């Protein structure tokens, strides 16, 4: 069944693996509620304070542990029983923490942040088990585990005379970040190359042309006539389009450079689509038979040549190998 009220800290597991951290959290919570005297031997705390302490301790126990200590009603007895049962965790954790401290090396980590996190994890275990780790030990551990390629760098950091481990780590973190920025700038583009210009800056002549008044073709007229090839029928006079098309076009300025490129592109596209086909009517390429406008007498000549080719028969003279050709 889930706890009815929210836990102030993680409950003690039935295996006791988190006993050391649980004891610390429990002591702090008891002290904050002025109940620290309730877990001491020969306490003078009132019965009401002992009940409050008992409620707090049992609330932060695993359900199995609660059932195992149903008969215990004194907070001191519960505190002592849990200590006798799980206090051996110090003797279990300490050898492992010492081994991890010995094997800890700066050169085994990709970043300073990862090394720093592992350093504090191991140090907290050692201190929790009663072994004190000083800043001098942490500094020496860091200096002595630099990579062999950083001998000069390690000596330079030693000569700076750091007093605390936090000062050294701060310096290493800043240096690592600056080195990463330097590498990023180096790999941005090849050495000696220039950055690509912006699109607006790459065409100064086009920008200058667009700013001139009257340059380019002005499509459309105040009456809305269209211009194209041929003679116009409406009020447009000799224009370049058929029909009046009044009101179908807006007054739009078109850059002549862009118009020229679009014309070349359309022409190339038309050639791609037509060059590969041959007219079956006149034999010329570039158009199809349904759009052929070749003169009729040329078409007749082409069709007659096709029929003549079909009537031609090729003959080959074969002689036996034994027969000799007379000279």
C-alpha atoms as a PDB file:
ATOM      1  CA  UNK A   1       0.000   0.000   0.000  1.00  0.00           C
ATOM      2  CA  UNK A   2       1.390   3.393  -0.926  1.00  0.00           C
ATOM      3  CA  UNK A   3       2.263   5.901   1.792  1.00  0.00           C
ATOM      4  CA  UNK A   4      -0.583   8.243   2.609  1.00  0.00           C
ATOM      5  CA  UNK A   5       1.705  11.260   2.894  1.00  0.00           C
ATOM      6  CA  UNK A   6       4.668  12.294   0.825  1.00  0.00           C
ATOM      7  CA  UNK A   7       8.108  11.104   1.892  1.00  0.00           C
ATOM      8  CA  UNK A   8      10.639  13.691   3.006  1.00  0.00           C
ATOM      9  CA  UNK A   9      13.511  11.440   1.879  1.00  0.00           C
ATOM     10  CA  UNK A  10      14.011   7.992   0.365  1.00  0.00           C
ATOM     11  CA  UNK A  11      12.761   5.163   2.561  1.00  0.00           C
ATOM     12  CA  UNK A  12      15.194   2.595   3.943  1.00  0.00           C
ATOM     13  CA  UNK A  13      15.333  -0.412   1.644  1.00  0.00           C
ATOM     14  CA  UNK A  14      14.789  -3.886   3.049  1.00  0.00           C
ATOM     15  CA  UNK A  15      18.314  -4.875   1.953  1.00  0.00           C
ATOM     16  CA  UNK A  16      19.855  -1.876   3.709  1.00  0.00           C
ATOM     17  CA  UNK A  17      21.938  -0.812   0.707  1.00  0.00           C
ATOM     18  CA  UNK A  18      20.985   2.834   1.241  1.00  0.00           C
ATOM     19  CA  UNK A  19      21.363   2.762   5.031  1.00  0.00           C
ATOM     20  CA  UNK A  20      24.232   5.246   5.218  1.00  0.00           C
ATOM     21  CA  UNK A  21      22.411   7.914   3.246  1.00  0.00           C
ATOM     22  CA  UNK A  22      19.160   7.109   5.083  1.00  0.00           C
ATOM     23  CA  UNK A  23      20.767   7.655   8.500  1.00  0.00           C
ATOM     24  CA  UNK A  24      22.071  11.047   7.435  1.00  0.00           C
ATOM     25  CA  UNK A  25      18.672  12.123   6.080  1.00  0.00           C
ATOM     26  CA  UNK A  26      16.889  10.852   9.196  1.00  0.00           C
ATOM     27  CA  UNK A  27      19.233  12.695  11.566  1.00  0.00           C
ATOM     28  CA  UNK A  28      18.736  15.959   9.670  1.00  0.00           C
ATOM     29  CA  UNK A  29      14.948  15.616   9.663  1.00  0.00           C
ATOM     30  CA  UNK A  30      14.847  14.788  13.372  1.00  0.00           C
ATOM     31  CA  UNK A  31      17.040  17.769  14.159  1.00  0.00           C
ATOM     32  CA  UNK A  32      14.905  20.117  12.052  1.00  0.00           C
ATOM     33  CA  UNK A  33      11.815  19.008  14.030  1.00  0.00           C
ATOM     34  CA  UNK A  34      13.668  19.290  17.379  1.00  0.00           C
ATOM     35  CA  UNK A  35      13.458  15.544  17.888  1.00  0.00           C
ATOM     36  CA  UNK A  36      17.157  14.691  17.876  1.00  0.00           C
ATOM     37  CA  UNK A  37      17.173  13.772  21.578  1.00  0.00           C
ATOM     38  CA  UNK A  38      14.579  11.047  21.068  1.00  0.00           C
ATOM     39  CA  UNK A  39      17.055   8.607  19.469  1.00  0.00           C
ATOM     40  CA  UNK A  40      19.657   8.941  22.231  1.00  0.00           C
ATOM     41  CA  UNK A  41      20.058   6.573  25.170  1.00  0.00           C
ATOM     42  CA  UNK A  42      18.524   7.712  28.480  1.00  0.00           C
ATOM     43  CA  UNK A  43      16.671  10.467  26.693  1.00  0.00           C
ATOM     44  CA  UNK A  44      14.651  13.035  28.579  1.00  0.00           C
ATOM     45  CA  UNK A  45      12.334  13.798  25.658  1.00  0.00           C
ATOM     46  CA  UNK A  46       8.615  13.872  26.306  1.00  0.00           C
ATOM     47  CA  UNK A  47       6.322  11.033  25.332  1.00  0.00           C
ATOM     48  CA  UNK A  48       4.755  13.242  22.660  1.00  0.00           C
ATOM     49  CA  UNK A  49       8.142  13.962  21.030  1.00  0.00           C
ATOM     50  CA  UNK A  50       9.022  10.260  21.093  1.00  0.00           C
ATOM     51  CA  UNK A  51       5.757   9.473  19.328  1.00  0.00           C
ATOM     52  CA  UNK A  52       6.473  12.095  16.653  1.00  0.00           C
ATOM     53  CA  UNK A  53       9.963  10.656  16.127  1.00  0.00           C
ATOM     54  CA  UNK A  54       8.575   7.132  15.883  1.00  0.00           C
ATOM     55  CA  UNK A  55       6.033   8.210  13.278  1.00  0.00           C
ATOM     56  CA  UNK A  56       8.740   9.916  11.217  1.00  0.00           C
ATOM     57  CA  UNK A  57      11.096   6.920  11.316  1.00  0.00           C
ATOM     58  CA  UNK A  58       8.450   4.303  10.502  1.00  0.00           C
ATOM     59  CA  UNK A  59       7.067   6.451   7.704  1.00  0.00           C
ATOM     60  CA  UNK A  60      10.460   6.233   5.965  1.00  0.00           C
ATOM     61  CA  UNK A  61      10.879   2.452   6.196  1.00  0.00           C
ATOM     62  CA  UNK A  62      10.138  -0.193   3.601  1.00  0.00           C
ATOM     63  CA  UNK A  63       6.838  -2.019   4.145  1.00  0.00           C
ATOM     64  CA  UNK A  64       8.670  -5.255   4.970  1.00  0.00           C
ATOM     65  CA  UNK A  65      10.792  -3.497   7.586  1.00  0.00           C
ATOM     66  CA  UNK A  66       7.706  -1.975   9.164  1.00  0.00           C
ATOM     67  CA  UNK A  67       6.191  -5.421   9.639  1.00  0.00           C
ATOM     68  CA  UNK A  68       9.437  -6.730  11.143  1.00  0.00           C
ATOM     69  CA  UNK A  69       9.522  -4.029  13.839  1.00  0.00           C
ATOM     70  CA  UNK A  70       5.850  -3.914  14.820  1.00  0.00           C
ATOM     71  CA  UNK A  71       6.615  -4.527  18.493  1.00  0.00           C
ATOM     72  CA  UNK A  72       9.186  -1.732  18.780  1.00  0.00           C
ATOM     73  CA  UNK A  73       7.605   1.451  20.152  1.00  0.00           C
ATOM     74  CA  UNK A  74      10.646   3.421  21.306  1.00  0.00           C
ATOM     75  CA  UNK A  75      12.489   5.544  18.715  1.00  0.00           C
ATOM     76  CA  UNK A  76      15.799   4.808  20.433  1.00  0.00           C
ATOM     77  CA  UNK A  77      15.231   1.038  20.275  1.00  0.00           C
ATOM     78  CA  UNK A  78      14.275   1.236  16.585  1.00  0.00           C
ATOM     79  CA  UNK A  79      17.280   3.415  15.820  1.00  0.00           C
ATOM     80  CA  UNK A  80      19.655   1.032  17.623  1.00  0.00           C
ATOM     81  CA  UNK A  81      18.154  -2.080  16.006  1.00  0.00           C
ATOM     82  CA  UNK A  82      18.551  -0.664  12.518  1.00  0.00           C
ATOM     83  CA  UNK A  83      22.123   0.375  13.289  1.00  0.00           C
ATOM     84  CA  UNK A  84      23.066  -3.080  14.542  1.00  0.00           C
ATOM     85  CA  UNK A  85      21.495  -4.653  11.469  1.00  0.00           C
ATOM     86  CA  UNK A  86      22.775  -2.412   8.684  1.00  0.00           C
ATOM     87  CA  UNK A  87      25.772  -0.506  10.033  1.00  0.00           C
ATOM     88  CA  UNK A  88      28.072  -3.086   8.493  1.00  0.00           C
ATOM     89  CA  UNK A  89      27.503  -1.300   5.187  1.00  0.00           C
ATOM     90  CA  UNK A  90      30.478   0.897   6.052  1.00  0.00           C
ATOM     91  CA  UNK A  91      32.779  -2.092   6.136  1.00  0.00           C
ATOM     92  CA  UNK A  92      31.303  -3.315   2.822  1.00  0.00           C
ATOM     93  CA  UNK A  93      31.467   0.005   0.967  1.00  0.00           C
ATOM     94  CA  UNK A  94      34.861   1.149   2.239  1.00  0.00           C
ATOM     95  CA  UNK A  95      37.048  -1.431   0.415  1.00  0.00           C
ATOM     96  CA  UNK A  96      35.254  -0.765  -2.839  1.00  0.00           C
ATOM     97  CA  UNK A  97      35.587   2.993  -2.416  1.00  0.00           C
ATOM     98  CA  UNK A  98      39.318   2.659  -1.710  1.00  0.00           C
ATOM     99  CA  UNK A  99      39.797   0.544  -4.821  1.00  0.00           C
ATOM    100  CA  UNK A 100      37.928   3.081  -6.976  1.00  0.00           C
ATOM    101  CA  UNK A 101      40.093   5.870  -5.532  1.00  0.00           C
ATOM    102  CA  UNK A 102      43.268   4.028  -6.462  1.00  0.00           C
ATOM    103  CA  UNK A 103      42.062   3.327 -10.006  1.00  0.00           C
ATOM    104  CA  UNK A 104      40.789   6.872 -10.621  1.00  0.00           C
ATOM    105  CA  UNK A 105      42.765   8.584 -13.434  1.00  0.00           C
ATOM    106  CA  UNK A 106      42.118  11.815 -15.279  1.00  0.00           C
ATOM    107  CA  UNK A 107      43.350  10.365 -18.579  1.00  0.00           C
ATOM    108  CA  UNK A 108      40.571   7.736 -18.562  1.00  0.00           C
ATOM    109  CA  UNK A 109      37.795  10.308 -19.047  1.00  0.00           C
ATOM    110  CA  UNK A 110      36.768  12.159 -22.188  1.00  0.00           C
ATOM    111  CA  UNK A 111      35.844  15.387 -20.418  1.00  0.00           C
ATOM    112  CA  UNK A 112      36.820  17.188 -17.229  1.00  0.00           C
ATOM    113  CA  UNK A 113      33.178  17.250 -16.115  1.00  0.00           C
ATOM    114  CA  UNK A 114      32.975  13.437 -16.162  1.00  0.00           C
ATOM    115  CA  UNK A 115      36.183  13.137 -14.144  1.00  0.00           C
ATOM    116  CA  UNK A 116      35.000  15.723 -11.616  1.00  0.00           C
ATOM    117  CA  UNK A 117      31.692  13.914 -11.113  1.00  0.00           C
ATOM    118  CA  UNK A 118      33.426  10.584 -10.517  1.00  0.00           C
ATOM    119  CA  UNK A 119      35.896  12.216  -8.124  1.00  0.00           C
ATOM    120  CA  UNK A 120      33.150  13.608  -5.875  1.00  0.00           C
ATOM    121  CA  UNK A 121      31.214  10.321  -5.961  1.00  0.00           C
ATOM    122  CA  UNK A 122      34.194   8.364  -4.655  1.00  0.00           C
ATOM    123  CA  UNK A 123      35.192  11.017  -2.129  1.00  0.00           C
ATOM    124  CA  UNK A 124      31.660  11.142  -0.708  1.00  0.00           C
ATOM    125  CA  UNK A 125      31.732   7.370  -0.191  1.00  0.00           C
ATOM    126  CA  UNK A 126      35.066   7.555   1.600  1.00  0.00           C
ATOM    127  CA  UNK A 127      33.949  10.385   3.847  1.00  0.00           C
ATOM    128  CA  UNK A 128      30.683   8.599   4.580  1.00  0.00           C
ATOM    129  CA  UNK A 129      32.689   5.603   5.758  1.00  0.00           C
ATOM    130  CA  UNK A 130      34.754   7.796   8.067  1.00  0.00           C
ATOM    131  CA  UNK A 131      37.844   8.418   5.916  1.00  0.00           C
ATOM    132  CA  UNK A 132      38.729  12.039   5.304  1.00  0.00           C
ATOM    133  CA  UNK A 133      40.025  13.084   1.876  1.00  0.00           C
ATOM    134  CA  UNK A 134      41.790  16.463   1.783  1.00  0.00           C
ATOM    135  CA  UNK A 135      42.154  18.945  -1.078  1.00  0.00           C
ATOM    136  CA  UNK A 136      45.870  18.182  -1.249  1.00  0.00           C
ATOM    137  CA  UNK A 137      45.116  14.520  -1.928  1.00  0.00           C
ATOM    138  CA  UNK A 138      42.598  15.412  -4.618  1.00  0.00           C
ATOM    139  CA  UNK A 139      45.047  17.837  -6.271  1.00  0.00           C
ATOM    140  CA  UNK A 140      47.837  15.271  -6.256  1.00  0.00           C
ATOM    141  CA  UNK A 141      45.515  12.608  -7.661  1.00  0.00           C
ATOM    142  CA  UNK A 142      44.621  14.923 -10.562  1.00  0.00           C
ATOM    143  CA  UNK A 143      48.184  16.051 -11.314  1.00  0.00           C
ATOM    144  CA  UNK A 144      49.597  12.529 -11.198  1.00  0.00           C
ATOM    145  CA  UNK A 145      47.012  11.095 -13.603  1.00  0.00           C
ATOM    146  CA  UNK A 146      47.449  13.511 -16.531  1.00  0.00           C
ATOM    147  CA  UNK A 147      48.120  11.854 -19.873  1.00  0.00           C
ATOM    148  CA  UNK A 148      51.778  11.289 -20.716  1.00  0.00           C
ATOM    149  CA  UNK A 149      51.498  13.660 -23.683  1.00  0.00           C
ATOM    150  CA  UNK A 150      50.620  16.508 -21.291  1.00  0.00           C
ATOM    151  CA  UNK A 151      53.767  16.477 -19.172  1.00  0.00           C
ATOM    152  CA  UNK A 152      54.545  20.138 -19.787  1.00  0.00           C
ATOM    153  CA  UNK A 153      50.942  21.143 -19.181  1.00  0.00           C
ATOM    154  CA  UNK A 154      50.859  19.218 -15.904  1.00  0.00           C
ATOM    155  CA  UNK A 155      54.021  20.982 -14.714  1.00  0.00           C
ATOM    156  CA  UNK A 156      52.547  24.362 -15.600  1.00  0.00           C
ATOM    157  CA  UNK A 157      49.443  23.657 -13.540  1.00  0.00           C
ATOM    158  CA  UNK A 158      51.564  22.531 -10.597  1.00  0.00           C
ATOM    159  CA  UNK A 159      53.586  25.746 -10.714  1.00  0.00           C
ATOM    160  CA  UNK A 160      50.429  27.844 -10.479  1.00  0.00           C
ATOM    161  CA  UNK A 161      50.095  26.704  -6.862  1.00  0.00           C
ATOM    162  CA  UNK A 162      46.417  25.852  -6.529  1.00  0.00           C
ATOM    163  CA  UNK A 163      45.278  25.658  -2.905  1.00  0.00           C
ATOM    164  CA  UNK A 164      41.960  23.886  -3.410  1.00  0.00           C
ATOM    165  CA  UNK A 165      40.701  21.238  -5.789  1.00  0.00           C
ATOM    166  CA  UNK A 166      37.798  23.428  -6.912  1.00  0.00           C
ATOM    167  CA  UNK A 167      40.222  26.100  -8.212  1.00  0.00           C
ATOM    168  CA  UNK A 168      42.055  23.546 -10.340  1.00  0.00           C
ATOM    169  CA  UNK A 169      38.853  22.078 -11.764  1.00  0.00           C
ATOM    170  CA  UNK A 170      37.516  25.529 -12.634  1.00  0.00           C
ATOM    171  CA  UNK A 171      40.705  26.305 -14.542  1.00  0.00           C
ATOM    172  CA  UNK A 172      40.600  22.958 -16.360  1.00  0.00           C
ATOM    173  CA  UNK A 173      36.954  23.403 -17.349  1.00  0.00           C
ATOM    174  CA  UNK A 174      37.620  26.861 -18.822  1.00  0.00           C
ATOM    175  CA  UNK A 175      40.650  25.582 -20.745  1.00  0.00           C
ATOM    176  CA  UNK A 176      38.666  22.624 -22.097  1.00  0.00           C
ATOM    177  CA  UNK A 177      35.864  24.886 -23.320  1.00  0.00           C
ATOM    178  CA  UNK A 178      38.316  27.254 -25.037  1.00  0.00           C
ATOM    179  CA  UNK A 179      40.042  24.335 -26.754  1.00  0.00           C
ATOM    180  CA  UNK A 180      36.699  23.039 -28.015  1.00  0.00           C
ATOM    181  CA  UNK A 181      35.804  26.446 -29.457  1.00  0.00           C
ATOM    182  CA  UNK A 182      39.188  26.613 -31.171  1.00  0.00           C
ATOM    183  CA  UNK A 183      38.658  23.219 -32.794  1.00  0.00           C
ATOM    184  CA  UNK A 184      35.160  24.171 -33.920  1.00  0.00           C
ATOM    185  CA  UNK A 185      36.460  27.316 -35.588  1.00  0.00           C
ATOM    186  CA  UNK A 186      39.252  25.338 -37.255  1.00  0.00           C
ATOM    187  CA  UNK A 187      36.861  22.770 -38.746  1.00  0.00           C
ATOM    188  CA  UNK A 188      34.348  25.348 -39.949  1.00  0.00           C
ATOM    189  CA  UNK A 189      36.135  25.693 -43.315  1.00  0.00           C
ATOM    190  CA  UNK A 190      39.584  24.842 -44.791  1.00  0.00           C
ATOM    191  CA  UNK A 191      42.530  26.943 -43.744  1.00  0.00           C
ATOM    192  CA  UNK A 192      43.105  29.933 -46.020  1.00  0.00           C
ATOM    193  CA  UNK A 193      39.595  29.981 -47.430  1.00  0.00           C
ATOM    194  CA  UNK A 194      37.159  32.848 -47.135  1.00  0.00           C
ATOM    195  CA  UNK A 195      33.561  32.673 -45.959  1.00  0.00           C
ATOM    196  CA  UNK A 196      30.898  32.467 -48.655  1.00  0.00           C
ATOM    197  CA  UNK A 197      29.369  35.878 -49.419  1.00  0.00           C
ATOM    198  CA  UNK A 198      25.710  36.528 -48.911  1.00  0.00           C
ATOM    199  CA  UNK A 199      23.328  36.405 -51.869  1.00  0.00           C
ATOM    200  CA  UNK A 200      22.661  40.127 -51.710  1.00  0.00           C
ATOM    201  CA  UNK A 201      26.353  40.918 -51.642  1.00  0.00           C
ATOM    202  CA  UNK A 202      27.271  38.478 -54.426  1.00  0.00           C
ATOM    203  CA  UNK A 203      25.504  40.455 -57.176  1.00  0.00           C
ATOM    204  CA  UNK A 204      26.525  44.115 -56.810  1.00  0.00           C
ATOM    205  CA  UNK A 205      25.909  44.844 -60.503  1.00  0.00           C
ATOM    206  CA  UNK A 206      22.411  43.386 -60.372  1.00  0.00           C
ATOM    207  CA  UNK A 207      21.617  45.418 -57.266  1.00  0.00           C
ATOM    208  CA  UNK A 208      22.924  48.555 -58.918  1.00  0.00           C
ATOM    209  CA  UNK A 209      20.867  47.847 -62.054  1.00  0.00           C
ATOM    210  CA  UNK A 210      17.708  47.264 -60.059  1.00  0.00           C
ATOM    211  CA  UNK A 211      18.082  50.630 -58.363  1.00  0.00           C
ATOM    212  CA  UNK A 212      18.171  52.530 -61.672  1.00  0.00           C
ATOM    213  CA  UNK A 213      14.954  54.028 -62.877  1.00  0.00           C
ATOM    214  CA  UNK A 214      13.555  52.728 -66.141  1.00  0.00           C
ATOM    215  CA  UNK A 215      15.980  49.831 -66.603  1.00  0.00           C
ATOM    216  CA  UNK A 216      14.492  46.542 -67.738  1.00  0.00           C
ATOM    217  CA  UNK A 217      11.219  45.930 -69.514  1.00  0.00           C
ATOM    218  CA  UNK A 218       8.030  47.280 -68.076  1.00  0.00           C
ATOM    219  CA  UNK A 219       5.383  44.647 -68.781  1.00  0.00           C
ATOM    220  CA  UNK A 220       1.941  46.028 -69.068  1.00  0.00           C
ATOM    221  CA  UNK A 221       0.633  49.486 -69.768  1.00  0.00           C
ATOM    222  CA  UNK A 222      -1.725  51.764 -67.895  1.00  0.00           C
ATOM    223  CA  UNK A 223      -4.502  50.172 -69.958  1.00  0.00           C
ATOM    224  CA  UNK A 224      -3.265  46.682 -69.118  1.00  0.00           C
ATOM    225  CA  UNK A 225      -2.179  45.654 -72.674  1.00  0.00           C
ATOM    226  CA  UNK A 226       0.116  42.632 -73.023  1.00  0.00           C
ATOM    227  CA  UNK A 227       3.178  42.593 -75.233  1.00  0.00           C
ATOM    228  CA  UNK A 228       4.499  39.687 -77.278  1.00  0.00           C
ATOM    229  CA  UNK A 229       5.492  38.784 -80.796  1.00  0.00           C
ATOM    230  CA  UNK A 230       3.143  39.858 -83.618  1.00  0.00           C
ATOM    231  CA  UNK A 231       0.667  42.624 -84.298  1.00  0.00           C
ATOM    232  CA  UNK A 232      -1.774  43.498 -81.557  1.00  0.00           C
ATOM    233  CA  UNK A 233      -5.464  43.700 -82.304  1.00  0.00           C
ATOM    234  CA  UNK A 234      -6.551  46.139 -79.647  1.00  0.00           C
ATOM    235  CA  UNK A 235      -5.521  49.611 -78.661  1.00  0.00           C
ATOM    236  CA  UNK A 236      -1.976  48.438 -78.052  1.00  0.00           C
ATOM    237  CA  UNK A 237      -0.967  49.285 -81.661  1.00  0.00           C
ATOM    238  CA  UNK A 238       2.070  47.399 -82.920  1.00  0.00           C
ATOM    239  CA  UNK A 239       2.721  45.351 -79.884  1.00  0.00           C
ATOM    240  CA  UNK A 240       4.225  41.999 -79.106  1.00  0.00           C
ATOM    241  CA  UNK A 241       1.143  40.035 -78.367  1.00  0.00           C
ATOM    242  CA  UNK A 242      -2.196  38.994 -79.748  1.00  0.00           C
ATOM    243  CA  UNK A 243      -5.344  40.354 -78.332  1.00  0.00           C
ATOM    244  CA  UNK A 244      -6.084  43.203 -76.035  1.00  0.00           C
ATOM    245  CA  UNK A 245      -5.961  41.227 -72.741  1.00  0.00           C
ATOM    246  CA  UNK A 246      -7.144  44.281 -70.886  1.00  0.00           C
ATOM    247  CA  UNK A 247      -6.713  44.026 -67.143  1.00  0.00           C
ATOM    248  CA  UNK A 248      -5.004  40.611 -67.189  1.00  0.00           C
ATOM    249  CA  UNK A 249      -1.501  41.832 -66.268  1.00  0.00           C
ATOM    250  CA  UNK A 250      -0.278  44.008 -63.466  1.00  0.00           C
ATOM    251  CA  UNK A 251       2.412  46.608 -63.894  1.00  0.00           C
ATOM    252  CA  UNK A 252       5.513  44.607 -63.003  1.00  0.00           C
ATOM    253  CA  UNK A 253       9.170  45.422 -63.494  1.00  0.00           C
ATOM    254  CA  UNK A 254      11.265  42.437 -64.586  1.00  0.00           C
ATOM    255  CA  UNK A 255      15.022  42.350 -64.309  1.00  0.00           C
ATOM    256  CA  UNK A 256      16.451  41.902 -67.853  1.00  0.00           C
ATOM    257  CA  UNK A 257      19.188  39.570 -66.572  1.00  0.00           C
ATOM    258  CA  UNK A 258      16.647  37.243 -65.009  1.00  0.00           C
ATOM    259  CA  UNK A 259      14.429  37.396 -68.118  1.00  0.00           C
ATOM    260  CA  UNK A 260      17.359  36.464 -70.349  1.00  0.00           C
ATOM    261  CA  UNK A 261      18.278  33.494 -68.164  1.00  0.00           C
ATOM    262  CA  UNK A 262      14.692  32.265 -68.145  1.00  0.00           C
ATOM    263  CA  UNK A 263      14.561  32.497 -71.974  1.00  0.00           C
ATOM    264  CA  UNK A 264      17.750  30.476 -72.376  1.00  0.00           C
ATOM    265  CA  UNK A 265      16.491  27.884 -69.914  1.00  0.00           C
ATOM    266  CA  UNK A 266      13.172  27.512 -71.735  1.00  0.00           C
ATOM    267  CA  UNK A 267      14.949  27.195 -75.089  1.00  0.00           C
ATOM    268  CA  UNK A 268      17.257  24.455 -73.796  1.00  0.00           C
ATOM    269  CA  UNK A 269      14.300  22.623 -72.336  1.00  0.00           C
ATOM    270  CA  UNK A 270      12.462  22.787 -75.678  1.00  0.00           C
ATOM    271  CA  UNK A 271      15.502  21.442 -77.519  1.00  0.00           C
ATOM    272  CA  UNK A 272      15.799  18.548 -75.092  1.00  0.00           C
ATOM    273  CA  UNK A 273      12.203  17.532 -75.652  1.00  0.00           C
ATOM    274  CA  UNK A 274      12.206  17.859 -79.464  1.00  0.00           C
ATOM    275  CA  UNK A 275      15.677  16.926 -80.673  1.00  0.00           C
ATOM    276  CA  UNK A 276      15.219  13.320 -79.810  1.00  0.00           C
ATOM    277  CA  UNK A 277      12.147  12.962 -82.113  1.00  0.00           C
ATOM    278  CA  UNK A 278      12.057  12.808 -85.956  1.00  0.00           C
ATOM    279  CA  UNK A 279       9.103  13.827 -88.054  1.00  0.00           C
ATOM    280  CA  UNK A 280       7.742  10.788 -89.931  1.00  0.00           C
ATOM    281  CA  UNK A 281       6.239  13.064 -92.563  1.00  0.00           C
ATOM    282  CA  UNK A 282       9.310  14.977 -93.809  1.00  0.00           C
ATOM    283  CA  UNK A 283      12.200  13.263 -91.990  1.00  0.00           C
ATOM    284  CA  UNK A 284      13.385  16.425 -90.238  1.00  0.00           C
ATOM    285  CA  UNK A 285      14.084  16.644 -86.506  1.00  0.00           C
ATOM    286  CA  UNK A 286      12.879  19.275 -84.093  1.00  0.00           C
ATOM    287  CA  UNK A 287       9.138  18.757 -84.509  1.00  0.00           C
ATOM    288  CA  UNK A 288       6.486  16.080 -84.795  1.00  0.00           C
ATOM    289  CA  UNK A 289       4.392  15.009 -87.780  1.00  0.00           C
ATOM    290  CA  UNK A 290       1.220  16.560 -86.383  1.00  0.00           C
ATOM    291  CA  UNK A 291       2.895  19.981 -86.297  1.00  0.00           C
ATOM    292  CA  UNK A 292       4.864  19.590 -89.556  1.00  0.00           C
ATOM    293  CA  UNK A 293       4.679  22.583 -91.919  1.00  0.00           C
ATOM    294  CA  UNK A 294       7.123  21.388 -94.598  1.00  0.00           C
ATOM    295  CA  UNK A 295       6.197  22.124 -98.219  1.00  0.00           C
ATOM    296  CA  UNK A 296       4.140  19.317 -99.837  1.00  0.00           C
ATOM    297  CA  UNK A 297       6.582  18.732-102.721  1.00  0.00           C
ATOM    298  CA  UNK A 298       9.413  18.139-100.217  1.00  0.00           C
ATOM    299  CA  UNK A 299       7.241  15.715 -98.317  1.00  0.00           C
ATOM    300  CA  UNK A 300       6.544  13.782-101.537  1.00  0.00           C
ATOM    301  CA  UNK A 301      10.254  13.554-102.329  1.00  0.00           C
ATOM    302  CA  UNK A 302      11.011  12.240 -98.830  1.00  0.00           C
ATOM    303  CA  UNK A 303       8.248   9.637 -98.977  1.00  0.00           C
ATOM    304  CA  UNK A 304       9.405   8.533-102.460  1.00  0.00           C
ATOM    305  CA  UNK A 305      12.968   8.071-101.176  1.00  0.00           C
ATOM    306  CA  UNK A 306      11.682   5.862 -98.388  1.00  0.00           C
ATOM    307  CA  UNK A 307       9.815   3.654-100.858  1.00  0.00           C
ATOM    308  CA  UNK A 308      12.884   3.426-103.122  1.00  0.00           C
ATOM    309  CA  UNK A 309      15.020   2.274-100.224  1.00  0.00           C
ATOM    310  CA  UNK A 310      12.545  -0.461 -99.442  1.00  0.00           C
ATOM    311  CA  UNK A 311      12.749  -1.842-103.012  1.00  0.00           C
ATOM    312  CA  UNK A 312      16.535  -2.057-103.134  1.00  0.00           C
ATOM    313  CA  UNK A 313      17.848  -5.628-102.788  1.00  0.00           C
ATOM    314  CA  UNK A 314      21.432  -6.389-101.942  1.00  0.00           C
ATOM    315  CA  UNK A 315      22.986  -9.436-103.652  1.00  0.00           C
ATOM    316  CA  UNK A 316      26.164 -11.259-102.667  1.00  0.00           C
ATOM    317  CA  UNK A 317      28.112 -13.704-104.876  1.00  0.00           C
ATOM    318  CA  UNK A 318      29.311 -16.813-103.082  1.00  0.00           C
ATOM    319  CA  UNK A 319      31.991 -19.060-104.585  1.00  0.00           C
ATOM    320  CA  UNK A 320      33.051 -22.521-103.433  1.00  0.00           C
ATOM    321  CA  UNK A 321      36.378 -22.643-101.634  1.00  0.00           C
ATOM    322  CA  UNK A 322      37.847 -24.978-104.252  1.00  0.00           C
ATOM    323  CA  UNK A 323      36.924 -22.705-107.147  1.00  0.00           C
ATOM    324  CA  UNK A 324      39.590 -20.210-108.054  1.00  0.00           C
ATOM    325  CA  UNK A 325      38.984 -16.839-109.455  1.00  0.00           C
ATOM    326  CA  UNK A 326      40.349 -16.574-113.050  1.00  0.00           C
ATOM    327  CA  UNK A 327      42.875 -13.894-113.670  1.00  0.00           C
END
